[in-house]
Amino acid sequence: MLKLSLLALAVALLMFPQIAETLYSPVLTDISEHFRVTAEQASLTLSLYFIGFAAGVLVWGRLCDTLGRRPALLLGLAVYALSAVVALLTHHFTVLLLARVCSAFGAAACSVVVQTLLRDKVSGAALTRLFNIIGIALAISPAIGVFSGGLLATLWGYQGVFSALALLAFCLLLWTGLKLEETRPTMHSHSPLLAVGSRMIQDKKILLATLLVALWNVSLFSYYSLAPFIFATLKLSASAFGLTGLVLAGGSLLGAQINRLLLKNSDRQTLILLLAGGVNLLGGVGVWLCSASLWFLLPMLLVMVSFSMAIPVILSSALSAYGECRGTAGALFGLGYYALIGAGLAVSGMFQNLGATLVICALVALVAARAYRREL
């Protein structure tokens, strides 16, 4: 049974990477102007973030098996906080890029370590329901991030955003240090990293789950990477872009609610995944057709609905066969999908076409979802 205090802390920590990225998104245009770089270069700060995140997932996931969940999480938060301070103080774009990579490296602990400690406490269908409950809470994090980021960008530019990120990281570090207890099982495995990796790379279910998580995240974060420039083209402010977070949060909440209803009486994971794939494709096509006007936000809602439906199912089911080495397996799993996310966002930023990105991701995800269904 998961204590309410641990659940609250876990939700806050899982929300942090999402809030950090969506808080940052509205200042991409400000960074482009301040550092005198192109939109493509400014977007690179987002794609590089996921490369650093992928590396961090591997390191912190391994450390949470060897050192423990608590010390790995504390170290990760400390790295993020210090990196955010460097990003705030620098006047050089190259240093900003390096600080963003280091920030991502630290923030990765909030993802892989927290998912591992939840798997320490809960398993099976109960874990799917738990991830869905967390998903409902996470649905508001983009709204908080984008709205707050838009407000901070309007008032204080990118410096206000990086100040807020540093403060938030220090607060989470203090909360974790005071309240988090170690959850690593007394009897745990020190499975060699290469042995676990070799096993996972031959596991079709893991490979498909890695691809699916990556595709849905590329769809989501392509919006936060490319939409600020669409809004600038439409002569709309960063604060106006920030308000879209409130709209899109509605889509996330709807997706989580659909999951809750479908899982209420029976395990319908495969149905949820296929339904999410169809909704995702419909939304992607809609964004592609409406990308020249603000109406593209309506089909973008469908993409958010599909994300909230699919991700809890995939994350709760992917590592069911790796209970004896949860941290290491979670690290390698995260390394795979975050590396793909970073690469996907780099390509997306290069072409600056949100609609095409969403359609391509949705088509591949629908095919992969059908294959994953057979593995479930």
Protein backbone atom coordinates (compact mmCIF):
# COMPACT_ATOMS: atom_id res chain seq x y z
CA MET A 1 0.00 0.00 0.00
CA LEU A 2 1.36 3.42 -0.97
CA LYS A 3 1.33 6.06 1.77
CA LEU A 4 -0.37 9.34 0.86
CA SER A 5 2.76 11.31 1.75
CA LEU A 6 4.89 9.19 -0.59
CA LEU A 7 2.30 9.46 -3.37
CA ALA A 8 2.22 13.27 -3.03
CA LEU A 9 6.00 13.50 -3.22
CA ALA A 10 6.15 11.05 -6.13
CA VAL A 11 3.57 13.04 -8.10
CA ALA A 12 5.43 16.30 -7.47
CA LEU A 13 8.73 14.77 -8.60
CA LEU A 14 7.18 13.21 -11.72
CA MET A 15 5.52 16.52 -12.57
CA PHE A 16 8.79 18.41 -12.25
CA PRO A 17 10.43 17.41 -15.59
CA GLN A 18 7.19 18.18 -17.46
CA ILE A 19 6.73 21.52 -15.72
CA ALA A 20 10.40 22.36 -16.27
CA GLU A 21 10.14 21.80 -20.02
CA THR A 22 6.79 23.46 -20.60
CA LEU A 23 7.79 26.38 -18.33
CA TYR A 24 10.82 26.82 -20.57
CA SER A 25 8.99 26.56 -23.89
CA PRO A 26 7.50 30.11 -23.99
CA VAL A 27 10.97 31.71 -23.75
CA LEU A 28 12.37 30.02 -26.87
CA THR A 29 11.65 33.11 -28.93
CA ASP A 30 13.21 35.32 -26.21
CA ILE A 31 16.33 33.12 -26.18
CA SER A 32 16.50 33.31 -29.97
CA GLU A 33 16.49 37.11 -29.81
CA HIS A 34 18.73 37.54 -26.74
CA PHE A 35 21.48 35.19 -27.90
CA ARG A 36 21.01 36.18 -31.57
CA VAL A 37 20.44 32.64 -32.81
CA THR A 38 17.93 31.18 -35.27
CA ALA A 39 14.67 29.44 -34.36
CA GLU A 40 16.29 26.11 -35.27
CA GLN A 41 19.21 26.80 -32.89
CA ALA A 42 16.87 27.89 -30.10
CA SER A 43 14.84 24.70 -30.56
CA LEU A 44 18.10 22.78 -30.21
CA THR A 45 18.08 23.64 -26.49
CA LEU A 46 14.95 21.49 -26.20
CA SER A 47 16.16 18.52 -28.27
CA LEU A 48 19.55 18.47 -26.51
CA TYR A 49 17.68 18.42 -23.21
CA PHE A 50 16.36 14.96 -24.06
CA ILE A 51 19.82 13.70 -25.01
CA GLY A 52 21.06 14.74 -21.57
CA PHE A 53 17.92 13.24 -20.05
CA ALA A 54 18.63 9.90 -21.75
CA ALA A 55 22.15 9.80 -20.29
CA GLY A 56 20.81 10.75 -16.87
CA VAL A 57 18.20 8.01 -16.93
CA LEU A 58 20.94 5.43 -17.46
CA VAL A 59 23.16 6.76 -14.66
CA TRP A 60 20.50 7.44 -12.03
CA GLY A 61 18.63 4.23 -12.82
CA ARG A 62 21.78 2.22 -12.27
CA LEU A 63 22.66 4.18 -9.11
CA CYS A 64 19.23 3.64 -7.60
CA ASP A 65 19.97 -0.11 -7.72
CA THR A 66 23.53 0.22 -6.37
CA LEU A 67 23.32 3.22 -3.97
CA GLY A 68 19.60 3.27 -3.30
CA ARG A 69 16.57 5.23 -4.47
CA ARG A 70 16.96 8.14 -2.02
CA PRO A 71 20.61 9.13 -2.62
CA ALA A 72 20.23 8.84 -6.40
CA LEU A 73 17.23 11.18 -6.32
CA LEU A 74 18.93 13.73 -4.06
CA LEU A 75 22.02 13.85 -6.26
CA GLY A 76 19.93 14.30 -9.41
CA LEU A 77 17.97 17.20 -7.97
CA ALA A 78 21.17 18.89 -6.80
CA VAL A 79 22.67 18.63 -10.31
CA TYR A 80 19.53 20.17 -11.83
CA ALA A 81 19.42 23.09 -9.38
CA LEU A 82 23.07 24.03 -9.93
CA SER A 83 22.74 23.73 -13.72
CA ALA A 84 19.69 26.02 -13.71
CA VAL A 85 21.74 28.64 -11.87
CA VAL A 86 24.49 28.40 -14.53
CA ALA A 87 21.88 28.79 -17.31
CA LEU A 88 20.54 31.87 -15.54
CA LEU A 89 23.93 33.57 -15.23
CA THR A 90 25.55 32.79 -18.59
CA HIS A 91 25.76 35.19 -21.54
CA HIS A 92 27.08 32.57 -23.98
CA PHE A 93 24.77 30.35 -26.02
CA THR A 94 27.22 27.42 -25.94
CA VAL A 95 27.30 27.52 -22.13
CA LEU A 96 23.50 27.68 -22.13
CA LEU A 97 23.38 24.52 -24.23
CA LEU A 98 25.77 22.74 -21.86
CA ALA A 99 23.78 23.90 -18.84
CA ARG A 100 20.59 22.59 -20.42
CA VAL A 101 22.19 19.19 -21.00
CA CYS A 102 23.35 19.07 -17.37
CA SER A 103 19.91 20.17 -16.16
CA ALA A 104 18.35 17.35 -18.15
CA PHE A 105 20.89 14.90 -16.75
CA GLY A 106 19.81 15.84 -13.21
CA ALA A 107 16.07 15.95 -13.91
CA ALA A 108 16.20 12.40 -15.26
CA ALA A 109 16.44 11.15 -11.67
CA CYS A 110 12.88 12.37 -11.07
CA SER A 111 11.63 10.09 -13.82
CA VAL A 112 13.55 6.84 -13.54
CA VAL A 113 14.04 6.76 -9.76
CA VAL A 114 10.44 7.66 -8.93
CA GLN A 115 9.06 5.12 -11.41
CA THR A 116 11.36 2.52 -9.81
CA LEU A 117 10.24 3.26 -6.26
CA LEU A 118 6.59 3.07 -7.37
CA ARG A 119 7.29 -0.35 -8.89
CA ASP A 120 8.89 -1.30 -5.54
CA LYS A 121 5.54 -0.69 -3.86
CA VAL A 122 2.88 -1.64 -6.45
CA SER A 123 2.59 -4.13 -9.34
CA GLY A 124 0.20 -5.58 -11.92
CA ALA A 125 -3.18 -4.01 -12.66
CA ALA A 126 -2.86 -1.89 -9.50
CA LEU A 127 0.24 -0.27 -11.01
CA THR A 128 -1.67 0.58 -14.20
CA ARG A 129 -4.39 2.24 -12.13
CA LEU A 130 -1.76 4.07 -10.10
CA PHE A 131 -0.05 5.39 -13.23
CA ASN A 132 -3.44 6.52 -14.48
CA ILE A 133 -4.16 8.40 -11.24
CA ILE A 134 -0.75 9.99 -11.51
CA GLY A 135 -1.55 10.74 -15.14
CA ILE A 136 -4.57 12.77 -14.05
CA ALA A 137 -2.28 14.84 -11.80
CA LEU A 138 0.33 15.11 -14.55
CA ALA A 139 -2.33 16.37 -16.94
CA ILE A 140 -2.27 19.74 -15.20
CA SER A 141 1.53 20.06 -15.27
CA PRO A 142 1.75 21.31 -18.90
CA ALA A 143 -0.91 23.89 -18.07
CA ILE A 144 1.03 25.02 -15.02
CA GLY A 145 4.28 25.08 -16.96
CA VAL A 146 3.13 26.83 -20.12
CA PHE A 147 0.92 29.35 -18.31
CA SER A 148 3.62 30.18 -15.73
CA GLY A 149 6.32 30.25 -18.40
CA GLY A 150 4.28 32.61 -20.57
CA LEU A 151 3.72 34.94 -17.61
CA LEU A 152 7.38 34.85 -16.55
CA ALA A 153 8.55 35.36 -20.14
CA THR A 154 6.34 38.43 -20.47
CA LEU A 155 7.50 39.95 -17.17
CA TRP A 156 11.17 38.96 -16.93
CA GLY A 157 12.14 37.04 -20.06
CA TYR A 158 14.20 33.86 -19.93
CA GLN A 159 15.94 35.01 -16.71
CA GLY A 160 12.64 34.81 -14.85
CA VAL A 161 12.06 31.28 -16.10
CA PHE A 162 15.52 30.01 -15.11
CA SER A 163 15.19 31.65 -11.68
CA ALA A 164 11.87 29.85 -11.16
CA LEU A 165 13.36 26.52 -12.27
CA ALA A 166 16.30 26.83 -9.87
CA LEU A 167 13.99 27.73 -6.97
CA LEU A 168 11.63 24.85 -7.74
CA ALA A 169 14.52 22.37 -7.86
CA PHE A 170 15.90 23.54 -4.50
CA CYS A 171 12.43 23.21 -2.92
CA LEU A 172 12.04 19.64 -4.22
CA LEU A 173 15.54 18.81 -2.99
CA LEU A 174 14.60 19.97 0.51
CA TRP A 175 11.25 18.11 0.48
CA THR A 176 12.87 14.89 -0.72
CA GLY A 177 15.66 15.12 1.85
CA LEU A 178 13.17 15.57 4.68
CA LYS A 179 10.43 13.13 3.68
CA LEU A 180 11.63 10.35 1.36
CA GLU A 181 12.42 6.97 2.88
CA GLU A 182 14.45 4.31 1.10
CA THR A 183 12.24 1.81 -0.81
CA ARG A 184 14.89 -0.47 -2.31
CA PRO A 185 14.07 -4.07 -1.34
CA THR A 186 16.38 -5.71 1.19
CA MET A 187 16.89 -8.58 -1.25
CA HIS A 188 17.78 -6.94 -4.55
CA SER A 189 19.86 -7.94 -7.54
CA HIS A 190 23.11 -6.35 -8.73
CA SER A 191 22.56 -7.67 -12.24
CA PRO A 192 25.39 -6.67 -14.61
CA LEU A 193 24.36 -3.76 -16.83
CA LEU A 194 25.44 -5.49 -20.05
CA ALA A 195 23.61 -8.69 -19.15
CA VAL A 196 20.36 -6.83 -18.52
CA GLY A 197 20.88 -4.79 -21.68
CA SER A 198 21.48 -7.90 -23.76
CA ARG A 199 18.30 -9.47 -22.42
CA MET A 200 16.24 -6.35 -23.10
CA ILE A 201 17.49 -5.76 -26.62
CA GLN A 202 16.20 -9.22 -27.54
CA ASP A 203 12.83 -8.54 -25.91
CA LYS A 204 10.34 -7.49 -28.61
CA LYS A 205 7.93 -6.14 -26.03
CA ILE A 206 10.60 -3.77 -24.63
CA LEU A 207 11.64 -2.59 -28.10
CA LEU A 208 8.05 -1.80 -29.06
CA ALA A 209 7.37 -0.06 -25.75
CA THR A 210 10.51 2.06 -26.22
CA LEU A 211 9.37 3.12 -29.68
CA LEU A 212 5.82 3.90 -28.53
CA VAL A 213 6.85 6.04 -25.57
CA ALA A 214 9.28 7.94 -27.80
CA LEU A 215 6.74 8.59 -30.56
CA TRP A 216 4.07 9.95 -28.22
CA ASN A 217 6.60 12.19 -26.46
CA VAL A 218 7.98 13.53 -29.75
CA SER A 219 4.41 14.46 -30.67
CA LEU A 220 3.84 16.20 -27.35
CA PHE A 221 7.12 18.09 -27.12
CA SER A 222 7.17 19.02 -30.80
CA TYR A 223 4.21 21.21 -29.92
CA TYR A 224 6.11 22.92 -27.11
CA SER A 225 9.17 23.28 -29.34
CA LEU A 226 7.51 24.53 -32.55
CA ALA A 227 4.25 26.18 -31.46
CA PRO A 228 5.92 29.31 -29.95
CA PHE A 229 7.15 30.20 -33.43
CA ILE A 230 3.70 29.52 -34.94
CA PHE A 231 2.26 31.94 -32.38
CA ALA A 232 4.95 34.51 -33.24
CA THR A 233 4.02 34.19 -36.94
CA LEU A 234 0.38 34.77 -36.01
CA LYS A 235 1.45 37.93 -34.08
CA LEU A 236 0.47 36.42 -30.74
CA SER A 237 2.45 36.91 -27.52
CA ALA A 238 4.26 34.42 -25.28
CA SER A 239 1.54 34.89 -22.66
CA ALA A 240 -1.08 33.92 -25.28
CA PHE A 241 0.89 30.77 -25.98
CA GLY A 242 1.02 30.18 -22.23
CA LEU A 243 -2.77 30.17 -22.05
CA THR A 244 -2.90 27.24 -24.48
CA GLY A 245 -1.58 25.07 -21.67
CA LEU A 246 -4.93 25.44 -19.92
CA VAL A 247 -6.74 24.31 -23.08
CA LEU A 248 -4.47 21.34 -23.73
CA ALA A 249 -4.65 20.25 -20.10
CA GLY A 250 -8.33 19.60 -20.76
CA GLY A 251 -7.35 17.05 -23.39
CA SER A 252 -4.95 15.37 -20.97
CA LEU A 253 -7.61 15.18 -18.27
CA LEU A 254 -10.11 13.72 -20.73
CA GLY A 255 -7.64 11.01 -21.79
CA ALA A 256 -6.94 10.09 -18.18
CA GLN A 257 -10.68 9.96 -17.45
CA ILE A 258 -11.28 7.63 -20.42
CA ASN A 259 -8.58 5.34 -19.04
CA ARG A 260 -10.17 5.36 -15.60
CA LEU A 261 -13.55 4.37 -17.01
CA LEU A 262 -12.17 1.63 -19.27
CA LEU A 263 -10.08 0.11 -16.47
CA LYS A 264 -12.87 0.35 -13.88
CA ASN A 265 -14.36 -3.12 -14.31
CA SER A 266 -11.74 -5.04 -16.28
CA ASP A 267 -8.27 -4.89 -17.74
CA ARG A 268 -8.65 -3.31 -21.16
CA GLN A 269 -5.09 -2.21 -21.83
CA THR A 270 -5.01 -3.34 -25.45
CA LEU A 271 -8.28 -1.56 -26.24
CA ILE A 272 -6.98 1.65 -24.68
CA LEU A 273 -3.74 1.51 -26.66
CA LEU A 274 -5.43 0.98 -30.03
CA LEU A 275 -8.04 3.64 -29.31
CA ALA A 276 -5.26 6.06 -28.34
CA GLY A 277 -3.46 5.32 -31.61
CA GLY A 278 -6.53 6.16 -33.68
CA VAL A 279 -7.23 9.38 -31.77
CA ASN A 280 -3.57 10.38 -32.15
CA LEU A 281 -3.68 9.97 -35.93
CA LEU A 282 -6.92 11.93 -36.20
CA GLY A 283 -5.42 14.76 -34.18
CA GLY A 284 -2.20 14.81 -36.20
CA VAL A 285 -4.06 15.07 -39.49
CA GLY A 286 -6.20 17.87 -38.06
CA VAL A 287 -3.15 19.88 -36.95
CA TRP A 288 -1.59 19.41 -40.38
CA LEU A 289 -4.72 20.74 -42.11
CA CYS A 290 -5.22 23.68 -39.72
CA SER A 291 -1.61 24.70 -39.02
CA ALA A 292 -1.97 28.08 -40.79
CA SER A 293 -4.47 29.29 -38.18
CA LEU A 294 -5.13 29.15 -34.46
CA TRP A 295 -7.74 26.43 -35.12
CA PHE A 296 -4.89 23.89 -35.02
CA LEU A 297 -5.31 23.89 -31.23
CA LEU A 298 -8.57 21.92 -31.49
CA PRO A 299 -7.06 18.81 -33.12
CA MET A 300 -4.00 19.25 -30.87
CA LEU A 301 -6.41 18.47 -28.03
CA LEU A 302 -6.87 14.99 -29.52
CA VAL A 303 -3.10 14.43 -29.49
CA MET A 304 -3.11 15.31 -25.78
CA VAL A 305 -6.03 12.93 -25.17
CA SER A 306 -4.16 10.09 -26.86
CA PHE A 307 -0.96 10.80 -24.90
CA SER A 308 -2.77 10.57 -21.56
CA MET A 309 -4.42 7.33 -22.63
CA ALA A 310 -1.38 5.53 -24.01
CA ILE A 311 1.54 6.41 -21.73
CA PRO A 312 0.19 4.95 -18.43
CA VAL A 313 -0.56 1.64 -20.18
CA ILE A 314 2.90 1.39 -21.74
CA LEU A 315 4.89 2.45 -18.67
CA SER A 316 3.00 0.12 -16.32
CA SER A 317 3.30 -2.94 -18.55
CA ALA A 318 6.70 -2.67 -20.23
CA LEU A 319 8.96 -3.87 -17.39
CA SER A 320 6.71 -6.51 -15.83
CA ALA A 321 9.32 -9.24 -16.45
CA TYR A 322 12.22 -7.32 -14.83
CA GLY A 323 11.21 -7.18 -11.18
CA GLU A 324 14.59 -8.37 -9.90
CA CYS A 325 16.49 -5.47 -11.51
CA ARG A 326 13.94 -2.66 -11.72
CA GLY A 327 16.38 0.23 -11.51
CA THR A 328 18.78 -1.04 -14.13
CA ALA A 329 16.00 -2.17 -16.47
CA GLY A 330 14.21 1.15 -16.02
CA ALA A 331 17.47 2.96 -16.76
CA LEU A 332 18.03 1.13 -20.04
CA PHE A 333 14.38 1.46 -21.00
CA GLY A 334 14.49 5.20 -20.36
CA LEU A 335 17.83 5.58 -22.12
CA GLY A 336 16.30 4.06 -25.23
CA TYR A 337 13.18 6.16 -25.45
CA TYR A 338 14.76 9.45 -24.36
CA ALA A 339 17.52 9.05 -26.94
CA LEU A 340 14.82 8.53 -29.57
CA ILE A 341 12.90 11.55 -28.26
CA GLY A 342 16.00 13.73 -28.52
CA ALA A 343 16.71 12.55 -32.05
CA GLY A 344 13.08 12.98 -33.07
CA LEU A 345 12.91 16.52 -31.70
CA ALA A 346 16.17 17.41 -33.44
CA VAL A 347 14.66 16.35 -36.78
CA SER A 348 11.39 18.10 -35.94
CA GLY A 349 13.23 21.30 -35.09
CA MET A 350 15.21 21.09 -38.31
CA PHE A 351 12.08 21.02 -40.51
CA GLN A 352 9.86 23.26 -38.31
CA ASN A 353 6.65 21.53 -39.47
CA LEU A 354 4.43 20.53 -36.55
CA GLY A 355 1.64 18.94 -38.62
CA ALA A 356 3.94 16.66 -40.60
CA THR A 357 5.75 15.61 -37.41
CA LEU A 358 2.50 14.64 -35.71
CA VAL A 359 1.17 12.66 -38.68
CA ILE A 360 4.38 10.68 -39.17
CA CYS A 361 4.64 9.88 -35.45
CA ALA A 362 0.97 8.87 -35.29
CA LEU A 363 1.20 6.52 -38.28
CA VAL A 364 4.26 4.72 -36.91
CA ALA A 365 2.74 4.60 -33.41
CA LEU A 366 -0.47 3.02 -34.69
CA VAL A 367 1.47 0.22 -36.40
CA ALA A 368 3.67 -0.30 -33.31
CA ALA A 369 0.61 -0.28 -31.02
CA ARG A 370 -0.97 -3.14 -32.95
CA ALA A 371 2.23 -5.15 -32.56
CA TYR A 372 2.52 -4.28 -28.84
CA ARG A 373 -1.05 -5.45 -28.37
CA ARG A 374 0.03 -8.97 -29.34
CA GLU A 375 2.87 -8.85 -26.79
CA LEU A 376 0.42 -7.90 -24.01
